[in-house]
Protein backbone atom coordinates (compact mmCIF):
# COMPACT_ATOMS: atom_id res chain seq x y z
CA MET A 1 0.00 0.00 0.00
CA LYS A 2 1.37 3.39 -0.97
CA LYS A 3 2.06 5.60 2.04
CA LYS A 4 2.94 9.24 2.47
CA ILE A 5 6.20 9.23 4.46
CA ALA A 6 7.91 12.13 6.22
CA ILE A 7 11.64 11.88 6.83
CA ILE A 8 13.12 14.36 9.30
CA GLY A 9 16.73 15.21 8.49
CA SER A 10 18.88 14.72 5.39
CA GLY A 11 22.09 13.17 6.68
CA PHE A 12 23.30 9.85 5.28
CA SER A 13 20.62 7.84 7.09
CA GLY A 14 17.83 10.21 6.05
CA LEU A 15 18.88 10.17 2.38
CA SER A 16 19.21 6.39 2.46
CA ALA A 17 15.78 5.96 4.06
CA ALA A 18 14.30 8.35 1.49
CA ALA A 19 15.78 6.52 -1.51
CA TYR A 20 14.65 3.08 -0.33
CA SER A 21 11.20 4.25 0.76
CA SER A 22 10.66 5.95 -2.60
CA GLN A 23 11.86 2.83 -4.42
CA GLN A 24 9.21 0.88 -2.51
CA GLY A 25 6.57 3.07 -4.12
CA HIS A 26 5.81 5.53 -1.34
CA GLU A 27 5.40 9.30 -1.56
CA VAL A 28 8.41 10.57 0.38
CA HIS A 29 9.15 14.06 1.68
CA VAL A 30 12.45 14.94 3.40
CA PHE A 31 12.51 17.94 5.75
CA GLU A 32 15.89 19.54 6.51
CA LYS A 33 16.21 22.35 9.04
CA ASN A 34 19.38 23.74 7.45
CA SER A 35 19.69 25.46 4.07
CA SER A 36 21.46 22.54 2.37
CA LEU A 37 21.25 18.75 2.46
CA GLY A 38 23.72 16.45 4.20
CA GLY A 39 23.51 17.02 7.93
CA ARG A 40 27.01 16.71 9.33
CA ALA A 41 28.30 16.06 5.81
CA ARG A 42 27.38 19.50 4.49
CA GLN A 43 29.85 21.59 2.53
CA PHE A 44 30.39 25.34 2.43
CA THR A 45 32.31 27.68 0.12
CA THR A 46 33.90 30.90 1.34
CA GLU A 47 33.76 34.22 -0.51
CA ASN A 48 37.47 33.93 -1.28
CA GLY A 49 37.14 30.51 -2.91
CA TYR A 50 37.83 27.81 -0.29
CA VAL A 51 35.55 24.75 -0.28
CA PHE A 52 35.21 22.88 3.03
CA ASP A 53 33.56 19.58 3.86
CA MET A 54 32.10 20.15 7.32
CA GLY A 55 32.12 16.55 8.50
CA PRO A 56 33.28 13.14 7.23
CA SER A 57 36.61 12.99 5.44
CA TRP A 58 37.60 9.28 5.59
CA TYR A 59 36.12 7.26 2.73
CA TRP A 60 36.38 3.73 4.09
CA MET A 61 34.40 0.54 3.35
CA PRO A 62 33.92 1.55 -0.29
CA ASP A 63 32.05 -1.67 -1.06
CA ILE A 64 29.30 -0.81 1.47
CA ILE A 65 28.82 2.64 -0.07
CA GLU A 66 28.90 1.09 -3.55
CA SER A 67 26.18 -1.41 -2.58
CA PHE A 68 23.80 1.51 -1.93
CA PHE A 69 24.12 2.68 -5.53
CA GLU A 70 23.91 -0.90 -6.85
CA ASP A 71 20.52 -1.29 -5.15
CA PHE A 72 19.24 1.37 -7.57
CA GLY A 73 21.03 0.13 -10.68
CA ARG A 74 23.68 2.82 -10.43
CA LYS A 75 27.38 3.08 -9.54
CA ALA A 76 29.25 5.60 -7.43
CA ALA A 77 31.28 6.33 -10.58
CA ASP A 78 28.10 7.65 -12.22
CA PHE A 79 28.28 10.58 -9.81
CA TYR A 80 31.86 11.15 -8.65
CA GLU A 81 35.46 10.07 -9.15
CA LEU A 82 37.11 8.07 -6.36
CA VAL A 83 40.86 8.46 -5.89
CA SER A 84 42.95 5.99 -3.88
CA LEU A 85 45.23 7.80 -1.43
CA ASP A 86 48.89 6.76 -1.17
CA PRO A 87 50.00 6.96 1.51
CA GLN A 88 46.63 6.37 3.08
CA PHE A 89 47.73 8.68 5.90
CA GLU A 90 50.69 9.65 8.04
CA MET A 91 51.03 9.28 11.79
CA VAL A 92 53.28 11.76 13.60
CA PHE A 93 54.89 10.32 16.74
CA SER A 94 57.17 12.03 19.22
CA ASP A 95 60.18 10.31 17.63
CA GLY A 96 59.27 10.20 13.95
CA ILE A 97 56.67 9.71 11.23
CA MET A 98 54.95 6.55 9.99
CA ALA A 99 53.39 6.67 6.51
CA VAL A 100 50.80 3.94 5.93
CA PRO A 101 51.08 2.84 2.30
CA GLN A 102 48.16 2.05 0.00
CA ASN A 103 49.74 -1.21 -1.15
CA TYR A 104 49.13 -4.05 1.32
CA GLU A 105 52.48 -5.78 0.71
CA ALA A 106 54.23 -2.49 1.42
CA MET A 107 52.17 -2.21 4.60
CA LYS A 108 53.34 -5.69 5.67
CA ASN A 109 56.94 -4.62 5.06
CA LEU A 110 56.37 -1.53 7.22
CA PHE A 111 55.00 -3.69 10.06
CA GLU A 112 57.90 -6.14 9.76
CA ALA A 113 60.45 -3.30 9.81
CA THR A 114 58.82 -1.91 12.95
CA GLU A 115 58.52 -5.22 14.83
CA THR A 116 60.04 -8.56 13.89
CA GLY A 117 57.32 -11.03 12.89
CA ALA A 118 54.62 -8.34 12.70
CA GLY A 119 54.28 -8.68 8.92
CA LYS A 120 53.03 -12.26 9.21
CA ARG A 121 50.89 -11.37 12.20
CA LEU A 122 49.31 -8.57 10.17
CA ASP A 123 48.20 -11.24 7.69
CA ASP A 124 46.65 -13.22 10.55
CA PHE A 125 44.99 -10.11 12.00
CA MET A 126 43.56 -9.08 8.63
CA GLU A 127 42.29 -12.57 7.85
CA ASP A 128 40.41 -12.57 11.15
CA ALA A 129 39.21 -9.00 10.50
CA ARG A 130 38.09 -9.96 6.97
CA TYR A 131 35.85 -12.68 8.39
CA LYS A 132 34.34 -10.22 10.88
CA TYR A 133 33.86 -7.66 8.12
CA GLU A 134 32.08 -10.08 5.82
CA VAL A 135 29.83 -11.53 8.51
CA GLY A 136 29.47 -8.32 10.51
CA MET A 137 28.82 -5.87 7.67
CA LYS A 138 26.76 -8.27 5.55
CA ASN A 139 24.72 -10.08 8.25
CA PHE A 140 25.14 -8.68 11.74
CA VAL A 141 24.57 -4.96 11.08
CA ASN A 142 21.60 -5.40 8.76
CA LYS A 143 19.24 -6.49 11.54
CA PRO A 144 16.56 -4.10 12.91
CA CYS A 145 17.51 -5.41 16.39
CA HIS A 146 14.02 -5.64 17.87
CA SER A 147 14.98 -8.96 19.50
CA TRP A 148 17.98 -11.22 20.05
CA MET A 149 16.02 -13.89 18.17
CA GLU A 150 17.02 -12.13 14.94
CA PHE A 151 20.56 -13.34 15.50
CA ILE A 152 19.63 -16.99 15.75
CA SER A 153 20.68 -17.99 12.25
CA PRO A 154 23.09 -20.72 11.11
CA THR A 155 25.60 -18.14 9.82
CA ILE A 156 25.63 -15.96 12.93
CA ALA A 157 25.42 -18.87 15.38
CA LYS A 158 28.31 -20.58 13.64
CA SER A 159 30.39 -17.41 13.71
CA ALA A 160 29.45 -16.10 17.19
CA LEU A 161 32.77 -16.96 18.83
CA LYS A 162 34.84 -15.79 15.86
CA LEU A 163 33.07 -12.41 15.95
CA ASP A 164 34.66 -11.73 19.37
CA LEU A 165 31.68 -9.87 20.74
CA LEU A 166 32.68 -10.53 24.34
CA SER A 167 36.39 -9.70 24.16
CA ASN A 168 37.71 -6.15 23.97
CA PHE A 169 39.68 -4.47 21.22
CA HIS A 170 42.53 -3.41 23.53
CA ARG A 171 43.42 -7.02 24.39
CA PHE A 172 42.72 -8.25 20.87
CA VAL A 173 45.27 -5.93 19.23
CA ARG A 174 47.93 -6.92 21.77
CA LYS A 175 47.52 -10.57 20.85
CA TYR A 176 49.16 -9.68 17.54
CA PHE A 177 51.40 -6.67 18.14
CA SER A 178 53.54 -5.30 20.95
CA HIS A 179 55.24 -2.25 19.42
CA PRO A 180 53.53 0.94 20.72
CA LYS A 181 53.39 2.51 17.25
CA LEU A 182 51.67 -0.50 15.71
CA ILE A 183 49.24 -0.67 18.62
CA MET A 184 48.38 3.02 18.15
CA LEU A 185 47.98 2.52 14.43
CA MET A 186 45.54 -0.36 14.93
CA GLU A 187 43.63 1.28 17.78
CA PHE A 188 43.11 4.75 16.35
CA PRO A 189 40.05 3.93 14.14
CA VAL A 190 37.92 2.82 17.10
CA ILE A 191 38.31 6.18 18.90
CA PHE A 192 35.48 7.42 16.71
CA LEU A 193 33.25 4.50 17.71
CA GLY A 194 32.82 6.33 20.98
CA ALA A 195 34.87 4.64 23.66
CA ALA A 196 38.37 3.65 24.66
CA PRO A 197 39.69 0.49 22.95
CA LYS A 198 39.29 -1.43 26.23
CA ASP A 199 35.52 -0.82 26.08
CA ILE A 200 34.98 -1.67 22.40
CA PRO A 201 34.23 -5.27 21.31
CA ALA A 202 37.01 -6.92 19.31
CA LEU A 203 34.42 -7.36 16.54
CA TYR A 204 35.42 -3.88 15.39
CA SER A 205 38.75 -5.01 14.02
CA LEU A 206 36.51 -5.12 10.95
CA MET A 207 37.19 -1.36 10.72
CA ASN A 208 40.90 -2.04 10.20
CA TYR A 209 40.02 -4.34 7.33
CA GLY A 210 37.46 -1.92 5.88
CA GLY A 211 40.05 0.86 6.01
CA TYR A 212 43.61 -0.40 5.75
CA LYS A 213 42.99 -3.49 3.57
CA LEU A 214 40.27 -2.04 1.33
CA GLY A 215 42.10 1.29 1.19
CA THR A 216 41.53 4.93 2.01
CA TRP A 217 39.79 6.82 -0.78
CA TYR A 218 38.73 10.35 -1.61
CA PRO A 219 35.73 11.48 -3.69
CA MET A 220 36.93 14.31 -5.94
CA GLY A 221 35.04 17.49 -5.13
CA GLY A 222 34.70 16.50 -1.49
CA PHE A 223 32.53 14.26 0.64
CA SER A 224 29.47 16.32 -0.23
CA LYS A 225 29.63 14.64 -3.66
CA VAL A 226 28.42 11.48 -1.91
CA ILE A 227 25.55 13.46 -0.40
CA ASP A 228 24.70 14.95 -3.80
CA ALA A 229 24.82 11.48 -5.38
CA MET A 230 22.53 9.93 -2.78
CA ALA A 231 20.12 12.87 -3.09
CA SER A 232 20.11 12.38 -6.87
CA VAL A 233 19.30 8.70 -6.46
CA ALA A 234 16.47 9.54 -4.06
CA THR A 235 15.15 12.21 -6.44
CA GLU A 236 15.23 9.70 -9.31
CA GLN A 237 13.02 7.46 -7.17
CA GLY A 238 10.58 10.33 -6.57
CA THR A 239 11.69 11.81 -3.23
CA GLN A 240 10.82 15.48 -2.64
CA PHE A 241 13.24 17.61 -0.58
CA HIS A 242 12.42 20.63 1.58
CA CYS A 243 15.28 22.72 3.05
CA ASN A 244 14.94 25.44 5.70
CA ALA A 245 12.13 23.22 6.98
CA GLN A 246 12.21 23.01 10.78
CA VAL A 247 10.10 20.17 12.21
CA ASP A 248 8.86 21.18 15.65
CA GLN A 249 6.28 18.54 16.51
CA ILE A 250 5.01 15.08 15.63
CA ILE A 251 1.22 14.97 16.14
CA ILE A 252 -0.08 11.75 17.69
CA LYS A 253 -3.70 10.56 17.55
CA ASN A 254 -4.87 7.12 18.66
CA LYS A 255 -1.26 6.03 19.14
CA LYS A 256 -0.37 6.85 15.55
CA ALA A 257 1.70 9.66 14.10
CA THR A 258 -0.81 11.49 11.89
CA SER A 259 1.09 14.66 10.97
CA ILE A 260 4.13 16.81 11.62
CA VAL A 261 4.41 20.54 12.21
CA VAL A 262 6.89 22.15 9.79
CA ASN A 263 7.63 25.85 10.13
CA ASP A 264 4.34 26.24 12.06
CA THR A 265 2.33 24.40 9.38
CA GLU A 266 0.73 21.00 10.07
CA ILE A 267 1.13 18.42 7.26
CA GLU A 268 -0.50 14.97 7.33
CA PHE A 269 1.56 11.80 6.87
CA ASP A 270 1.02 8.04 7.18
CA THR A 271 4.51 7.28 8.53
CA VAL A 272 7.38 9.28 10.05
CA ILE A 273 11.08 8.33 9.97
CA ALA A 274 13.25 10.55 12.17
CA SER A 275 16.84 10.87 10.97
CA SER A 276 17.13 13.82 13.35
CA ASP A 277 18.91 13.48 16.69
CA TYR A 278 17.04 10.72 18.56
CA HIS A 279 17.07 12.48 21.94
CA HIS A 280 15.95 15.78 20.41
CA THR A 281 13.18 14.07 18.45
CA GLU A 282 11.76 12.47 21.57
CA LYS A 283 12.19 15.40 23.93
CA HIS A 284 11.10 18.24 21.67
CA MET A 285 8.77 16.66 19.09
CA LEU A 286 6.86 14.15 21.22
CA SER A 287 4.91 14.50 24.44
CA GLU A 288 6.35 12.51 27.33
CA GLU A 289 3.93 9.57 27.22
CA TYR A 290 5.05 8.68 23.68
CA ARG A 291 8.80 8.67 24.26
CA ASN A 292 10.83 5.46 24.24
CA TYR A 293 13.36 6.77 26.76
CA THR A 294 13.57 9.07 29.76
CA GLU A 295 16.11 11.82 30.32
CA ASP A 296 17.82 9.60 32.90
CA TYR A 297 18.30 6.92 30.24
CA TRP A 298 20.20 9.31 27.96
CA LYS A 299 22.34 10.52 30.85
CA THR A 300 23.56 6.96 31.42
CA ARG A 301 24.51 6.34 27.75
CA THR A 302 28.12 6.45 26.55
CA PHE A 303 28.44 8.88 23.67
CA ALA A 304 31.09 9.10 21.01
CA PRO A 305 33.19 12.28 21.22
CA SER A 306 32.44 15.75 20.14
CA CYS A 307 35.26 17.59 18.45
CA LEU A 308 36.90 20.95 17.99
CA ILE A 309 37.30 21.73 14.30
CA TYR A 310 39.09 24.59 12.60
CA TYR A 311 38.45 25.24 8.90
CA LEU A 312 41.49 27.08 7.55
CA GLY A 313 42.45 28.59 4.22
CA PHE A 314 46.14 29.38 3.69
CA LYS A 315 47.38 31.79 1.02
CA ASP A 316 50.41 29.60 0.36
CA LYS A 317 51.16 25.91 -0.18
CA ILE A 318 52.26 24.02 2.95
CA PRO A 319 55.12 21.57 2.35
CA ASN A 320 55.60 18.09 3.84
CA LEU A 321 51.89 17.56 4.47
CA LYS A 322 49.75 14.65 3.25
CA HIS A 323 46.00 14.47 2.68
CA HIS A 324 45.47 12.83 6.12
CA THR A 325 47.86 13.31 9.06
CA LEU A 326 47.35 12.07 12.63
CA PHE A 327 49.30 13.83 15.36
CA PHE A 328 49.92 11.14 17.97
CA GLU A 329 52.93 12.53 19.80
CA ASN A 330 51.01 12.19 23.10
CA ASP A 331 49.43 9.30 25.00
CA LEU A 332 46.32 7.82 23.36
CA ASP A 333 45.09 6.27 26.62
CA LEU A 334 45.29 9.61 28.44
CA HIS A 335 43.36 11.46 25.75
CA THR A 336 40.62 8.80 25.59
CA HIS A 337 40.39 8.75 29.40
CA GLU A 338 39.85 12.51 29.43
CA ILE A 339 37.16 12.21 26.74
CA TYR A 340 35.15 9.33 28.17
CA GLU A 341 35.83 9.24 31.90
CA ASP A 342 37.20 12.54 33.20
CA LYS A 343 35.01 14.49 30.76
CA LYS A 344 37.31 17.47 30.42
CA TRP A 345 39.36 19.31 27.83
CA PRO A 346 42.49 17.24 27.10
CA THR A 347 45.75 18.07 28.83
CA GLN A 348 47.93 16.46 26.13
CA PRO A 349 45.71 16.24 23.04
CA LEU A 350 45.98 14.17 19.92
CA PHE A 351 44.52 15.66 16.77
CA TYR A 352 44.01 15.14 13.05
CA VAL A 353 44.77 17.32 10.03
CA CYS A 354 43.04 16.94 6.68
CA CYS A 355 44.48 18.75 3.67
CA PRO A 356 42.23 17.72 0.75
CA SER A 357 43.72 20.37 -1.55
CA LYS A 358 46.79 18.09 -1.77
CA THR A 359 44.56 15.70 -3.75
CA ASP A 360 41.96 18.11 -5.13
CA PRO A 361 43.38 21.57 -5.98
CA ASN A 362 39.91 22.84 -6.91
CA LEU A 363 39.07 23.12 -3.20
CA ALA A 364 41.28 26.19 -2.77
CA PRO A 365 42.35 29.17 -4.88
CA GLU A 366 45.48 28.70 -6.98
CA HIS A 367 48.69 28.31 -4.93
CA CYS A 368 46.59 28.12 -1.73
CA GLU A 369 45.80 25.33 0.72
CA ASN A 370 42.60 24.03 2.28
CA ILE A 371 43.02 22.47 5.74
CA PHE A 372 40.92 21.45 8.66
CA LEU A 373 42.14 20.57 12.12
CA LEU A 374 40.08 18.19 14.26
CA MET A 375 40.61 17.36 17.94
CA PRO A 376 38.27 14.85 19.66
CA VAL A 377 36.83 16.22 22.92
CA ALA A 378 34.36 15.11 25.58
CA THR A 379 30.67 15.83 25.08
CA GLY A 380 28.77 18.23 27.32
CA ILE A 381 31.77 20.26 28.56
CA GLU A 382 32.01 24.06 28.57
CA ASP A 383 32.81 25.48 25.14
CA HIS A 384 34.30 28.98 25.12
CA GLU A 385 36.06 30.86 22.33
CA GLU A 386 39.18 31.35 24.50
CA THR A 387 39.41 27.59 25.03
CA ARG A 388 39.08 26.91 21.32
CA GLU A 389 41.81 29.45 20.57
CA HIS A 390 44.15 27.90 23.15
CA TYR A 391 44.00 24.54 21.38
CA PHE A 392 44.20 26.19 17.98
CA GLN A 393 47.54 27.73 18.96
CA GLU A 394 48.83 24.34 20.14
CA MET A 395 47.72 22.52 16.99
CA ILE A 396 49.21 25.16 14.70
CA GLY A 397 52.50 24.98 16.61
CA ARG A 398 52.69 21.22 16.15
CA LEU A 399 51.72 21.56 12.48
CA GLU A 400 54.55 24.07 11.98
CA LYS A 401 57.03 21.70 13.58
CA HIS A 402 55.88 18.76 11.44
CA THR A 403 55.95 20.67 8.15
CA GLY A 404 59.13 22.63 8.86
CA THR A 405 57.36 25.94 8.34
CA SER A 406 57.17 29.01 10.52
CA ASN A 407 54.52 31.61 11.26
CA LEU A 408 51.66 29.75 9.57
CA ILE A 409 49.20 32.06 11.30
CA SER A 410 50.38 34.97 9.15
CA LYS A 411 49.40 32.98 6.04
CA ILE A 412 45.81 32.32 7.13
CA ASP A 413 43.34 33.59 4.55
CA TYR A 414 40.21 32.12 6.16
CA LYS A 415 39.49 30.81 9.68
CA LYS A 416 36.36 29.34 11.23
CA SER A 417 35.99 27.22 14.36
CA TYR A 418 33.28 24.66 15.09
CA CYS A 419 32.69 22.82 18.36
CA ILE A 420 30.16 21.60 20.93
CA LYS A 421 27.87 24.65 20.80
CA ASP A 422 27.72 24.46 17.01
CA PHE A 423 26.83 20.75 16.96
CA LYS A 424 23.96 21.54 19.32
CA GLU A 425 22.80 24.54 17.28
CA ASP A 426 23.04 23.00 13.80
CA TYR A 427 22.09 19.38 14.48
CA ASN A 428 20.36 19.44 17.88
CA ALA A 429 23.11 16.99 18.87
CA TYR A 430 22.77 15.61 22.40
CA GLU A 431 25.48 17.28 24.53
CA GLY A 432 27.12 18.39 21.29
CA ASN A 433 28.19 14.89 20.23
CA ALA A 434 29.77 14.64 16.78
CA TYR A 435 29.67 10.89 16.11
CA GLY A 436 26.61 9.44 17.81
CA LEU A 437 26.30 6.71 20.41
CA ALA A 438 29.33 4.65 21.36
CA ASN A 439 29.58 1.07 20.11
CA THR A 440 30.36 -0.38 23.53
CA LEU A 441 29.34 -3.95 24.36
CA SER A 442 26.45 -2.68 26.52
CA GLN A 443 25.28 -0.54 23.58
CA THR A 444 25.48 -3.11 20.80
CA ALA A 445 22.63 -4.43 18.63
CA VAL A 446 19.44 -4.90 20.69
CA LEU A 447 20.99 -2.84 23.49
CA LYS A 448 21.01 0.31 21.34
CA PRO A 449 18.04 2.72 21.31
CA SER A 450 15.22 1.06 19.40
CA LEU A 451 14.77 1.73 15.70
CA LYS A 452 11.01 1.69 16.27
CA ASN A 453 8.90 3.74 18.64
CA LYS A 454 7.44 1.20 21.06
CA LYS A 455 4.25 3.19 21.72
CA ILE A 456 3.46 4.54 18.26
CA SER A 457 2.98 2.07 15.42
CA ASN A 458 4.25 4.25 12.56
CA LEU A 459 7.22 6.20 13.97
CA PHE A 460 10.76 5.01 13.29
CA TYR A 461 14.25 6.31 14.06
CA THR A 462 17.41 6.09 12.00
CA GLY A 463 20.98 7.35 12.19
CA GLN A 464 23.96 7.23 14.49
CA LEU A 465 22.03 7.03 17.78
CA THR A 466 20.32 3.78 16.83
CA VAL A 467 21.33 0.60 14.97
CA PRO A 468 23.84 -0.22 13.63
CA GLY A 469 25.84 2.76 14.95
CA PRO A 470 28.10 5.70 14.04
CA GLY A 471 29.94 6.21 10.77
CA VAL A 472 29.01 6.81 7.14
CA PRO A 473 28.47 3.18 5.97
CA PRO A 474 26.51 2.23 9.15
CA SER A 475 24.31 5.31 8.74
CA ILE A 476 23.54 4.36 5.13
CA ILE A 477 22.64 0.85 6.34
CA SER A 478 20.53 2.33 9.15
CA GLY A 479 18.43 4.24 6.62
CA LYS A 480 17.81 1.08 4.60
CA ILE A 481 16.74 -0.85 7.71
CA ALA A 482 14.37 1.94 8.79
CA ALA A 483 12.82 2.11 5.32
CA ASN A 484 12.26 -1.65 5.26
CA GLU A 485 10.70 -1.61 8.74
CA ALA A 486 8.41 1.29 7.80
CA ASN A 487 7.39 -0.59 4.66
CA LYS A 488 6.20 -3.65 6.58
C-alpha cells in the first residue's frame, strides 16, 4: 500500500531511508532544518574561494557505499570520481613519522620493519578481521535489532565466537602486536566509535580491514559529492526535498503519528522516519507519554566524542603535508580517558589534520591550501572561544614543527571554528556529540536505542544514535533498515 512518508533530516541515514522508501513506491518528503542537504556532511564555500567539507573525510568501506548505488542500478562512478590515497595517511609520533602505504604488501613490510614477525601477524589479523567484516557488515549490522532472536541464524550462530563480541579491542590488538606505534595505528580507528579500545568489542577489528585493507579513498570534489549522489538517487526514485524546513512537533492521535508541524504548518503523513537526533526528536517533538526513553536513560549512555574543528584557508602551499595526518605525539590512553571518563578538555591532546587540496586543488584558490584541524573532545563540557583558541595555537604549533614551516598564522586567509555549541545549534546533537552513540558492548545491537517507537505504530528512528551505529556506511545501512521496517 502506498504511504505518504515524512523523513526528518537529510544526513546519510535520512537520504538512504528516502531513496529506499521511494523505491518501494511511497510518496516521500524529506525535511531539513538547514539550508542545504547532508547534515554533518554539508559543505560550504567561502567568498574567497575555499571549499570545506564540514564533517566526514575518511572514505572507508567503499564496497558498502557502492552497494547503496547498486541497489538502484547505479554506480558511485556515475556521480563522482574516487581516488585511492597513497600513503593512506601519516602518523606523527614524538620520535618520527609513519606513513601507511596504500599497497598491502608495502604495509606488511612496514610492520615487519617496525617489529620482527609483525608482517606475518598482520596477515593473521587481517584474515580474522576480513571474516568479521564479511559476517558483521553483511549479516550482523543489517538487523533491525528488535529482539535477540534475529541473530539466531546458522551463519551468525556458527560465527558467534569468531566475531569476538565478548572480548575487547585493547586485548585483541595486543595478541598480535607489541610495538607501541603499531598498537596506536591499529587502535586509532575505534576512537570514533565512541569509547576507549578497552571498552569496544574486538568485533570492530573489521574497521581495520574496511580501512587499511580495502584502502583509504577520496571522492573528488569533497565528501558532499556522496551526499549529492545519494540525493540524486532519491530524487530519481521520486523523493521530494524541503530545506529550511524546521520540524517542531510530531502529532499523535490514537497512538499513531498522523502529521508533523513544519515551520508552524501542520502536514499529514502516514509514517514518520526521524533521521534527526534521537534524543531531540523524543524530547522536543513528542509529548512525554510517547517517548521510548527518559532523560535519565540518555544521561547513562556512553556517547562518542564531540570535536573541535578549525576550517582554515592558507594563502600559500604548505610543504611536507599529506592528505590525512594524525598527530599522535602524546598518550592515546590519556586522551581517551579525558574524553570518556574525566570528561574534560584534554591536557595532552591528539589531533588530526586533513588537507584535501593536496589531492583536489579545486578546493582552494590557486597556490593556496585548504586544511581542517580536528581534535576529539568530551561531550557536554564548557565550550568557550578562548578555550578553542588555546588549542588552535597548540595545533598550529605542532603543524609548523611537522611541516618545517614558521609563522603559519600569518598565512591564514580564512578561519572558522566549530565545536560543541555548534553541533547543538546546527544538528540538535545531544550534549554536542559529533559521532553518535558509542559502540560499547552494553550498547550493541538490541541494546542500542530502538529503531522503532514502542508506543506509536508508525514512527521510526534512523541514524547514528540507533542501529547499527556511528559512521558513514553504518548510517547508510541504518536508513535502509528503517525504510524496510516502515514498509512492513
